[in-house]
Amino acid sequence: LSRSGPAIVAAAATVAVGLATLVLARNRDLYTSGPTIAFAIGVAALAVLTLTPSLMRVVGLRLISLRRRNVASPLVGDEGHRLETGATPTDALWRAAAHLATRFPVGVTLVMVAVLLPTSMVGTRVQSLYDTVDEYPADSSFVRGARLYNKHFFGSQGVTELTLILTADVRWDRHHAALRGILDRLAVAFAERFTMVYQRDLQDPLGTIRSGGGMFSTTLGARVASGFANPLVRDAYIGRSGAAARIDLGVRVEPRTVVAMETVEQVRLIAAQTVEQSGFLKATGGSSVAIDVAGESASYADMRALRIRDFRVIAVAASVLIYLILVWLIRAPVQSAILLAATLLTYFATYGGTFLIVRQLYGLGGLSWQVDFLLFIIIMSLGQDYNIF
């Protein structure tokens, strides 16, 4: 305990602290699981420092069969080399590795950096994937269903389906003229910015009345077909509260891609600008309208934004805390920084190497968004374990 205790405490602390920083995440799965595992590591470390040596003392050294091995003190030969009785080829291998690393530290460092640097550079540019259709086997039920849906309803190119909700602090059903104007303005704005497949709303519940440029037909038949006169359509696109207007959008963009996620924010911004320019807010005495986007791509966009935020916060927090633990243990700030930098290089190299293997085997253009997050915590924590030992 006197010799190995500090190393065990520090090693357990790096893993526990690394995982505990997940409490800073906003993703529920991360901020609940990280501290739980960190607590379990703390319990295990406490057992190693108390229960394990106590059992060894009670049962004796036979507990770990030390007496079956030759543990004679190392001998020093005439040439100054340590000669251990009963040395194995494995012992010779590690002795040679230690001799090489300590005799030629600069050369070994340069060689290892040269080995790790190429895949590290790849690791800094790996794209995170959010498409579960690509991640699961092709014969999975929901994968087949998603592809059949796109094939039979939208053709070969995918369509991102979004639901835009405009929530006002006044009732839309009492401001029909203003709502008509906003819906028509949105149709034109969306048609100018995106390749629209449809826009379904209270004005055009079937998405077939407006022309390709988003302009609303002025024919009598089109006006009669407008949903303002149909109670069922009003319930679907305004709702019983009368305060929320729903707009269903189909944009010709592959769903679950980064482009689709960026489209979500663009739709939100266009809607906010259109409502502002419509004059509705001033006409109703300074009322407010909340802009929200729902749908599969919207949920992935939120997940992506959370992941980016959580990764930045947790990476900084984990690095700083682990660095402080290293400084406490080895009392060398510069060397601690070098150990941390070496582990970061290992992380990027591992991430890049993993991507190259996955791309070769499965043809994917990136890695699941969960990989870099978990890989960082594992390598940063366990990597310092190995550095400490």
Protein backbone atom coordinates (compact mmCIF):
# COMPACT_ATOMS: atom_id res chain seq x y z
CA LEU A 1 0.00 0.00 0.00
CA SER A 2 2.77 2.42 0.85
CA ARG A 3 4.37 1.93 -2.57
CA SER A 4 1.42 1.38 -4.88
CA GLY A 5 -1.32 3.29 -3.04
CA PRO A 6 -0.77 6.72 -4.66
CA ALA A 7 -0.58 5.19 -8.16
CA ILE A 8 -3.78 3.20 -7.59
CA VAL A 9 -5.60 6.26 -6.24
CA ALA A 10 -4.43 8.43 -9.13
CA ALA A 11 -5.26 5.79 -11.74
CA ALA A 12 -8.75 5.29 -10.35
CA ALA A 13 -9.20 9.05 -10.06
CA THR A 14 -8.39 9.70 -13.73
CA VAL A 15 -11.02 7.19 -14.87
CA ALA A 16 -13.61 8.30 -12.31
CA VAL A 17 -13.06 12.01 -12.98
CA GLY A 18 -13.14 11.50 -16.73
CA LEU A 19 -16.49 9.74 -16.49
CA ALA A 20 -17.81 12.08 -13.82
CA THR A 21 -17.40 15.04 -16.19
CA LEU A 22 -20.28 13.57 -18.20
CA VAL A 23 -22.53 15.15 -15.58
CA LEU A 24 -21.87 18.42 -17.44
CA ALA A 25 -23.62 17.04 -20.52
CA ARG A 26 -27.18 17.98 -21.38
CA ASN A 27 -27.80 14.61 -23.00
CA ARG A 28 -29.68 12.60 -20.39
CA ASP A 29 -28.04 9.27 -21.23
CA LEU A 30 -24.61 10.80 -20.67
CA TYR A 31 -25.17 12.85 -17.54
CA THR A 32 -26.90 9.98 -15.74
CA SER A 33 -24.57 7.13 -16.75
CA GLY A 34 -21.20 8.88 -16.32
CA PRO A 35 -21.44 9.71 -12.59
CA THR A 36 -22.94 6.27 -11.89
CA ILE A 37 -19.94 4.49 -13.42
CA ALA A 38 -17.56 6.91 -11.70
CA PHE A 39 -19.14 6.02 -8.36
CA ALA A 40 -18.70 2.30 -9.12
CA ILE A 41 -15.02 2.89 -9.89
CA GLY A 42 -14.63 4.71 -6.59
CA VAL A 43 -16.13 1.74 -4.73
CA ALA A 44 -13.82 -0.66 -6.58
CA ALA A 45 -10.76 1.46 -5.77
CA LEU A 46 -11.75 1.60 -2.11
CA ALA A 47 -12.07 -2.20 -2.06
CA VAL A 48 -8.64 -2.60 -3.67
CA LEU A 49 -7.07 -0.36 -1.03
CA THR A 50 -8.82 -1.96 1.96
CA LEU A 51 -10.52 -5.31 1.37
CA THR A 52 -7.89 -6.80 -0.95
CA PRO A 53 -4.82 -6.28 1.32
CA SER A 54 -6.83 -7.40 4.33
CA LEU A 55 -7.76 -10.66 2.62
CA MET A 56 -4.14 -11.12 1.56
CA ARG A 57 -3.04 -10.69 5.15
CA VAL A 58 -5.62 -13.10 6.51
CA VAL A 59 -5.30 -15.83 3.87
CA GLY A 60 -1.62 -15.38 3.19
CA LEU A 61 0.43 -14.93 0.08
CA ARG A 62 -0.94 -18.20 -1.29
CA LEU A 63 -4.06 -16.20 -2.23
CA ILE A 64 -2.34 -15.01 -5.39
CA SER A 65 0.03 -17.96 -5.67
CA LEU A 66 3.14 -15.87 -5.24
CA ARG A 67 4.97 -18.71 -3.51
CA ARG A 68 4.71 -20.83 -6.65
CA ARG A 69 6.90 -18.35 -8.51
CA ASN A 70 10.53 -17.55 -8.02
CA VAL A 71 10.51 -14.09 -6.47
CA ALA A 72 14.16 -14.01 -5.49
CA SER A 73 15.68 -10.58 -5.34
CA PRO A 74 17.24 -9.44 -8.61
CA LEU A 75 20.94 -9.95 -8.89
CA VAL A 76 23.38 -7.46 -10.34
CA GLY A 77 25.95 -9.01 -12.63
CA ASP A 78 29.46 -7.93 -13.36
CA GLU A 79 28.29 -5.81 -16.28
CA GLY A 80 25.71 -3.96 -14.20
CA HIS A 81 22.69 -5.67 -15.76
CA ARG A 82 19.87 -7.02 -13.61
CA LEU A 83 19.72 -10.78 -13.82
CA GLU A 84 16.50 -12.32 -12.54
CA THR A 85 16.28 -15.97 -11.72
CA GLY A 86 13.87 -17.81 -14.00
CA ALA A 87 13.52 -14.97 -16.54
CA THR A 88 11.13 -15.77 -19.38
CA PRO A 89 11.13 -14.61 -23.03
CA THR A 90 8.42 -12.12 -22.06
CA ASP A 91 10.69 -10.66 -19.40
CA ALA A 92 13.42 -10.29 -22.00
CA LEU A 93 10.99 -8.59 -24.40
CA TRP A 94 9.96 -5.93 -21.87
CA ARG A 95 13.54 -5.44 -20.76
CA ALA A 96 14.53 -4.82 -24.37
CA ALA A 97 11.64 -2.39 -24.86
CA ALA A 98 12.60 -0.47 -21.73
CA HIS A 99 16.25 -0.38 -22.81
CA LEU A 100 15.30 0.91 -26.28
CA ALA A 101 12.97 3.63 -24.96
CA THR A 102 15.43 4.92 -22.37
CA ARG A 103 18.56 4.62 -24.53
CA PHE A 104 17.05 6.31 -27.62
CA PRO A 105 14.17 8.47 -26.32
CA VAL A 106 14.23 11.04 -29.14
CA GLY A 107 14.35 8.42 -31.87
CA VAL A 108 11.54 6.37 -30.33
CA THR A 109 9.44 9.52 -29.90
CA LEU A 110 9.92 10.56 -33.52
CA VAL A 111 9.07 7.08 -34.79
CA MET A 112 5.89 6.86 -32.70
CA VAL A 113 4.77 10.35 -33.72
CA ALA A 114 5.39 9.43 -37.36
CA VAL A 115 3.25 6.32 -36.91
CA LEU A 116 0.40 8.10 -35.11
CA LEU A 117 0.35 11.42 -36.96
CA PRO A 118 -1.21 10.30 -40.29
CA THR A 119 -4.25 8.67 -38.71
CA SER A 120 -4.44 11.55 -36.21
CA MET A 121 -4.85 13.97 -39.09
CA VAL A 122 -7.59 11.76 -40.48
CA GLY A 123 -9.22 11.69 -37.04
CA THR A 124 -9.56 15.48 -36.95
CA ARG A 125 -11.67 15.39 -40.13
CA VAL A 126 -13.96 12.40 -39.55
CA GLN A 127 -17.63 13.24 -40.06
CA SER A 128 -20.13 12.15 -37.42
CA LEU A 129 -23.05 10.09 -38.73
CA TYR A 130 -26.59 10.39 -37.41
CA ASP A 131 -28.30 8.11 -39.94
CA THR A 132 -29.47 4.97 -38.15
CA VAL A 133 -30.56 3.53 -41.51
CA ASP A 134 -26.89 3.25 -42.49
CA GLU A 135 -25.76 1.99 -39.10
CA TYR A 136 -28.11 -1.01 -38.84
CA PRO A 137 -28.14 -4.15 -41.02
CA ALA A 138 -29.96 -3.82 -44.32
CA ASP A 139 -32.41 -6.58 -43.38
CA SER A 140 -33.61 -4.76 -40.24
CA SER A 141 -37.33 -4.12 -40.30
CA PHE A 142 -37.21 -0.35 -39.84
CA VAL A 143 -34.39 -0.02 -42.42
CA ARG A 144 -36.44 -1.87 -45.02
CA GLY A 145 -39.49 0.21 -44.12
CA ALA A 146 -37.63 3.52 -44.41
CA ARG A 147 -36.19 2.62 -47.80
CA LEU A 148 -39.48 1.32 -49.14
CA TYR A 149 -41.20 4.49 -47.97
CA ASN A 150 -38.73 6.70 -49.81
CA LYS A 151 -38.78 4.51 -52.90
CA HIS A 152 -42.55 4.36 -53.36
CA PHE A 153 -43.52 7.83 -52.14
CA PHE A 154 -40.59 10.05 -53.08
CA GLY A 155 -38.55 8.20 -55.68
CA SER A 156 -34.83 7.51 -55.62
CA GLN A 157 -33.85 10.76 -53.87
CA GLY A 158 -34.90 11.16 -50.26
CA VAL A 159 -37.15 13.84 -48.82
CA THR A 160 -36.80 15.51 -45.44
CA GLU A 161 -40.21 15.96 -43.84
CA LEU A 162 -40.63 18.73 -41.28
CA THR A 163 -43.49 20.20 -39.29
CA LEU A 164 -43.30 23.94 -38.69
CA ILE A 165 -45.33 25.27 -35.74
CA LEU A 166 -46.16 28.97 -35.37
CA THR A 167 -47.46 29.58 -31.84
CA ALA A 168 -48.92 33.02 -31.20
CA ASP A 169 -50.22 34.64 -28.04
CA VAL A 170 -53.41 35.47 -29.97
CA ARG A 171 -55.81 33.13 -31.76
CA TRP A 172 -54.96 32.52 -35.40
CA ASP A 173 -58.57 31.70 -36.20
CA ARG A 174 -59.43 35.32 -35.41
CA HIS A 175 -56.78 36.64 -37.80
CA HIS A 176 -57.50 34.68 -40.97
CA ALA A 177 -56.29 37.38 -43.36
CA ALA A 178 -52.96 37.75 -41.57
CA LEU A 179 -52.45 33.99 -41.45
CA ARG A 180 -53.20 33.67 -45.18
CA GLY A 181 -50.58 36.29 -45.92
CA ILE A 182 -47.94 34.59 -43.76
CA LEU A 183 -48.60 31.17 -45.30
CA ASP A 184 -48.33 32.54 -48.84
CA ARG A 185 -45.13 34.44 -47.99
CA LEU A 186 -43.63 31.30 -46.48
CA ALA A 187 -44.48 29.27 -49.58
CA VAL A 188 -42.65 31.76 -51.80
CA ALA A 189 -39.66 32.01 -49.44
CA PHE A 190 -39.29 28.24 -49.13
CA ALA A 191 -39.62 27.73 -52.90
CA GLU A 192 -36.84 30.26 -53.49
CA ARG A 193 -34.50 28.64 -50.98
CA PHE A 194 -35.24 24.90 -51.25
CA THR A 195 -36.40 22.29 -53.73
CA MET A 196 -39.87 21.84 -52.30
CA VAL A 197 -41.87 18.65 -52.72
CA TYR A 198 -44.90 20.00 -50.88
CA GLN A 199 -46.14 22.56 -48.38
CA ARG A 200 -49.36 21.60 -46.64
CA ASP A 201 -51.11 24.14 -44.46
CA LEU A 202 -54.48 25.68 -43.77
CA GLN A 203 -54.39 27.43 -47.15
CA ASP A 204 -53.42 24.30 -49.07
CA PRO A 205 -54.14 21.18 -46.99
CA LEU A 206 -53.30 18.76 -49.82
CA GLY A 207 -50.21 20.62 -50.97
CA THR A 208 -51.45 20.72 -54.57
CA ILE A 209 -52.97 24.18 -55.05
CA ARG A 210 -49.85 26.34 -55.01
CA SER A 211 -47.71 26.53 -58.11
CA GLY A 212 -44.10 25.42 -58.20
CA GLY A 213 -42.92 28.92 -57.31
CA GLY A 214 -44.97 28.93 -54.11
CA MET A 215 -47.58 31.33 -55.46
CA PHE A 216 -51.17 30.59 -54.47
CA SER A 217 -53.66 30.03 -57.25
CA THR A 218 -56.36 32.68 -57.48
CA THR A 219 -58.94 30.44 -59.12
CA LEU A 220 -62.30 30.05 -57.44
CA GLY A 221 -61.87 26.30 -57.17
CA ALA A 222 -58.59 26.71 -55.34
CA ARG A 223 -60.07 29.16 -52.89
CA VAL A 224 -63.01 26.85 -52.21
CA ALA A 225 -60.56 24.02 -51.54
CA SER A 226 -58.79 26.15 -48.97
CA GLY A 227 -58.95 24.64 -45.50
CA PHE A 228 -60.42 27.72 -43.85
CA ALA A 229 -63.90 26.47 -44.73
CA ASN A 230 -63.34 22.89 -43.56
CA PRO A 231 -63.64 22.14 -39.82
CA LEU A 232 -61.52 18.98 -40.09
CA VAL A 233 -58.73 20.86 -41.82
CA ARG A 234 -58.93 23.69 -39.30
CA ASP A 235 -58.55 21.20 -36.46
CA ALA A 236 -55.52 19.67 -38.19
CA TYR A 237 -53.70 22.88 -39.06
CA ILE A 238 -54.76 25.27 -36.29
CA GLY A 239 -55.85 22.97 -33.52
CA ARG A 240 -58.53 23.43 -30.90
CA SER A 241 -56.59 26.09 -29.03
CA GLY A 242 -56.54 28.27 -32.13
CA ALA A 243 -53.10 29.61 -31.15
CA ALA A 244 -50.83 27.23 -33.09
CA ALA A 245 -50.62 27.10 -36.89
CA ARG A 246 -49.13 23.94 -38.35
CA ILE A 247 -47.28 23.76 -41.67
CA ASP A 248 -46.07 20.42 -43.10
CA LEU A 249 -43.01 20.66 -45.36
CA GLY A 250 -41.32 18.20 -47.71
CA VAL A 251 -37.84 19.31 -48.81
CA ARG A 252 -35.83 17.42 -51.43
CA VAL A 253 -32.88 16.67 -49.14
CA GLU A 254 -31.68 13.29 -47.91
CA PRO A 255 -33.04 12.87 -44.35
CA ARG A 256 -30.76 12.37 -41.32
CA THR A 257 -27.83 13.96 -43.13
CA VAL A 258 -25.90 17.03 -41.97
CA VAL A 259 -27.52 18.99 -44.83
CA ALA A 260 -30.97 17.98 -43.58
CA MET A 261 -30.08 19.08 -40.05
CA GLU A 262 -28.84 22.43 -41.33
CA THR A 263 -32.10 22.76 -43.28
CA VAL A 264 -34.01 22.68 -39.98
CA GLU A 265 -32.32 25.85 -38.73
CA GLN A 266 -32.71 27.53 -42.10
CA VAL A 267 -36.45 26.80 -42.09
CA ARG A 268 -36.73 28.28 -38.61
CA LEU A 269 -34.86 31.44 -39.62
CA ILE A 270 -36.90 31.92 -42.80
CA ALA A 271 -40.13 31.52 -40.83
CA ALA A 272 -39.03 34.06 -38.21
CA GLN A 273 -38.05 36.59 -40.88
CA THR A 274 -41.30 36.07 -42.79
CA VAL A 275 -43.47 36.60 -39.71
CA GLU A 276 -41.50 39.75 -38.87
CA GLN A 277 -41.83 41.15 -42.39
CA SER A 278 -45.54 40.33 -42.65
CA GLY A 279 -46.48 43.13 -40.25
CA PHE A 280 -48.62 40.74 -38.19
CA LEU A 281 -46.83 41.51 -34.92
CA LYS A 282 -47.42 45.25 -35.23
CA ALA A 283 -50.98 44.81 -36.46
CA THR A 284 -51.90 42.78 -33.37
CA GLY A 285 -50.42 45.24 -30.92
CA GLY A 286 -46.98 43.75 -30.41
CA SER A 287 -47.93 40.10 -29.97
CA SER A 288 -45.25 37.41 -30.22
CA VAL A 289 -44.95 34.28 -32.34
CA ALA A 290 -42.78 31.31 -31.32
CA ILE A 291 -41.18 29.35 -34.18
CA ASP A 292 -40.60 25.61 -33.66
CA VAL A 293 -39.70 22.77 -36.02
CA ALA A 294 -40.61 19.15 -35.36
CA GLY A 295 -39.81 15.94 -37.19
CA GLU A 296 -37.07 13.33 -37.45
CA SER A 297 -34.45 15.67 -38.90
CA ALA A 298 -35.32 18.28 -36.26
CA SER A 299 -34.64 15.77 -33.49
CA TYR A 300 -31.32 14.82 -35.10
CA ALA A 301 -30.43 18.52 -35.41
CA ASP A 302 -31.03 18.97 -31.67
CA MET A 303 -28.99 15.85 -30.96
CA ARG A 304 -26.14 17.17 -33.09
CA ALA A 305 -26.17 20.57 -31.39
CA LEU A 306 -26.19 18.89 -27.96
CA ARG A 307 -23.34 16.57 -28.92
CA ILE A 308 -21.15 19.42 -30.16
CA ARG A 309 -21.80 21.47 -27.02
CA ASP A 310 -21.36 18.53 -24.63
CA PHE A 311 -18.16 17.33 -26.29
CA ARG A 312 -16.51 20.75 -26.05
CA VAL A 313 -17.44 21.23 -22.41
CA ILE A 314 -16.56 17.71 -21.28
CA ALA A 315 -13.31 17.52 -23.27
CA VAL A 316 -12.01 20.68 -21.63
CA ALA A 317 -13.20 19.70 -18.13
CA ALA A 318 -11.81 16.16 -18.34
CA SER A 319 -8.44 17.33 -19.70
CA VAL A 320 -7.99 19.96 -16.99
CA LEU A 321 -8.99 17.66 -14.12
CA ILE A 322 -6.86 14.75 -15.34
CA TYR A 323 -3.91 17.12 -15.77
CA LEU A 324 -4.27 18.29 -12.17
CA ILE A 325 -4.29 14.67 -10.97
CA LEU A 326 -1.08 13.98 -12.89
CA VAL A 327 0.59 17.07 -11.42
CA TRP A 328 -0.46 15.98 -7.92
CA LEU A 329 1.03 12.51 -8.45
CA ILE A 330 4.32 13.15 -10.24
CA ARG A 331 4.93 16.78 -9.19
CA ALA A 332 6.04 17.73 -12.72
CA PRO A 333 3.74 20.16 -14.59
CA VAL A 334 5.66 20.01 -17.88
CA GLN A 335 5.88 16.23 -17.91
CA SER A 336 2.18 16.02 -17.02
CA ALA A 337 1.36 18.22 -20.00
CA ILE A 338 3.47 15.97 -22.25
CA LEU A 339 1.63 12.87 -20.99
CA LEU A 340 -1.72 14.55 -21.65
CA ALA A 341 -0.66 15.64 -25.15
CA ALA A 342 0.56 12.12 -25.94
CA THR A 343 -2.80 10.71 -24.89
CA LEU A 344 -4.66 13.25 -27.05
CA LEU A 345 -2.50 12.19 -30.00
CA THR A 346 -3.42 8.59 -29.24
CA TYR A 347 -7.12 9.51 -29.22
CA PHE A 348 -7.04 11.19 -32.63
CA ALA A 349 -4.95 8.36 -34.08
CA THR A 350 -7.38 5.75 -32.76
CA TYR A 351 -10.40 7.67 -34.02
CA GLY A 352 -8.87 8.13 -37.46
CA GLY A 353 -7.71 4.52 -37.65
CA THR A 354 -11.16 3.29 -36.65
CA PHE A 355 -12.72 5.36 -39.43
CA LEU A 356 -10.31 3.99 -42.03
CA ILE A 357 -11.14 0.41 -41.01
CA VAL A 358 -14.89 1.03 -41.00
CA ARG A 359 -14.75 2.78 -44.38
CA GLN A 360 -12.78 -0.11 -45.86
CA LEU A 361 -15.11 -2.78 -44.47
CA TYR A 362 -18.51 -1.09 -44.81
CA GLY A 363 -18.01 1.88 -47.10
CA LEU A 364 -19.34 4.40 -44.57
CA GLY A 365 -18.37 8.05 -44.93
CA GLY A 366 -18.05 8.62 -41.19
CA LEU A 367 -18.56 7.16 -37.72
CA SER A 368 -21.58 7.17 -35.46
CA TRP A 369 -21.85 10.36 -33.42
CA GLN A 370 -21.44 8.34 -30.20
CA VAL A 371 -18.00 6.95 -31.07
CA ASP A 372 -15.80 10.02 -30.67
CA PHE A 373 -17.51 11.01 -27.42
CA LEU A 374 -17.07 7.67 -25.66
CA LEU A 375 -13.69 7.01 -27.23
CA PHE A 376 -12.35 10.31 -25.88
CA ILE A 377 -13.42 9.57 -22.31
CA ILE A 378 -12.08 6.01 -22.40
CA ILE A 379 -8.71 6.83 -23.94
CA MET A 380 -8.15 9.97 -21.87
CA SER A 381 -8.96 8.13 -18.65
CA LEU A 382 -7.40 4.72 -19.26
CA GLY A 383 -4.52 6.26 -21.19
CA GLN A 384 -3.48 8.15 -18.08
CA ASP A 385 -3.79 4.89 -16.14
CA TYR A 386 -1.06 3.42 -18.30
CA ASN A 387 1.01 6.60 -18.09
CA ILE A 388 0.80 6.52 -14.29
CA PHE A 389 1.80 2.87 -14.00
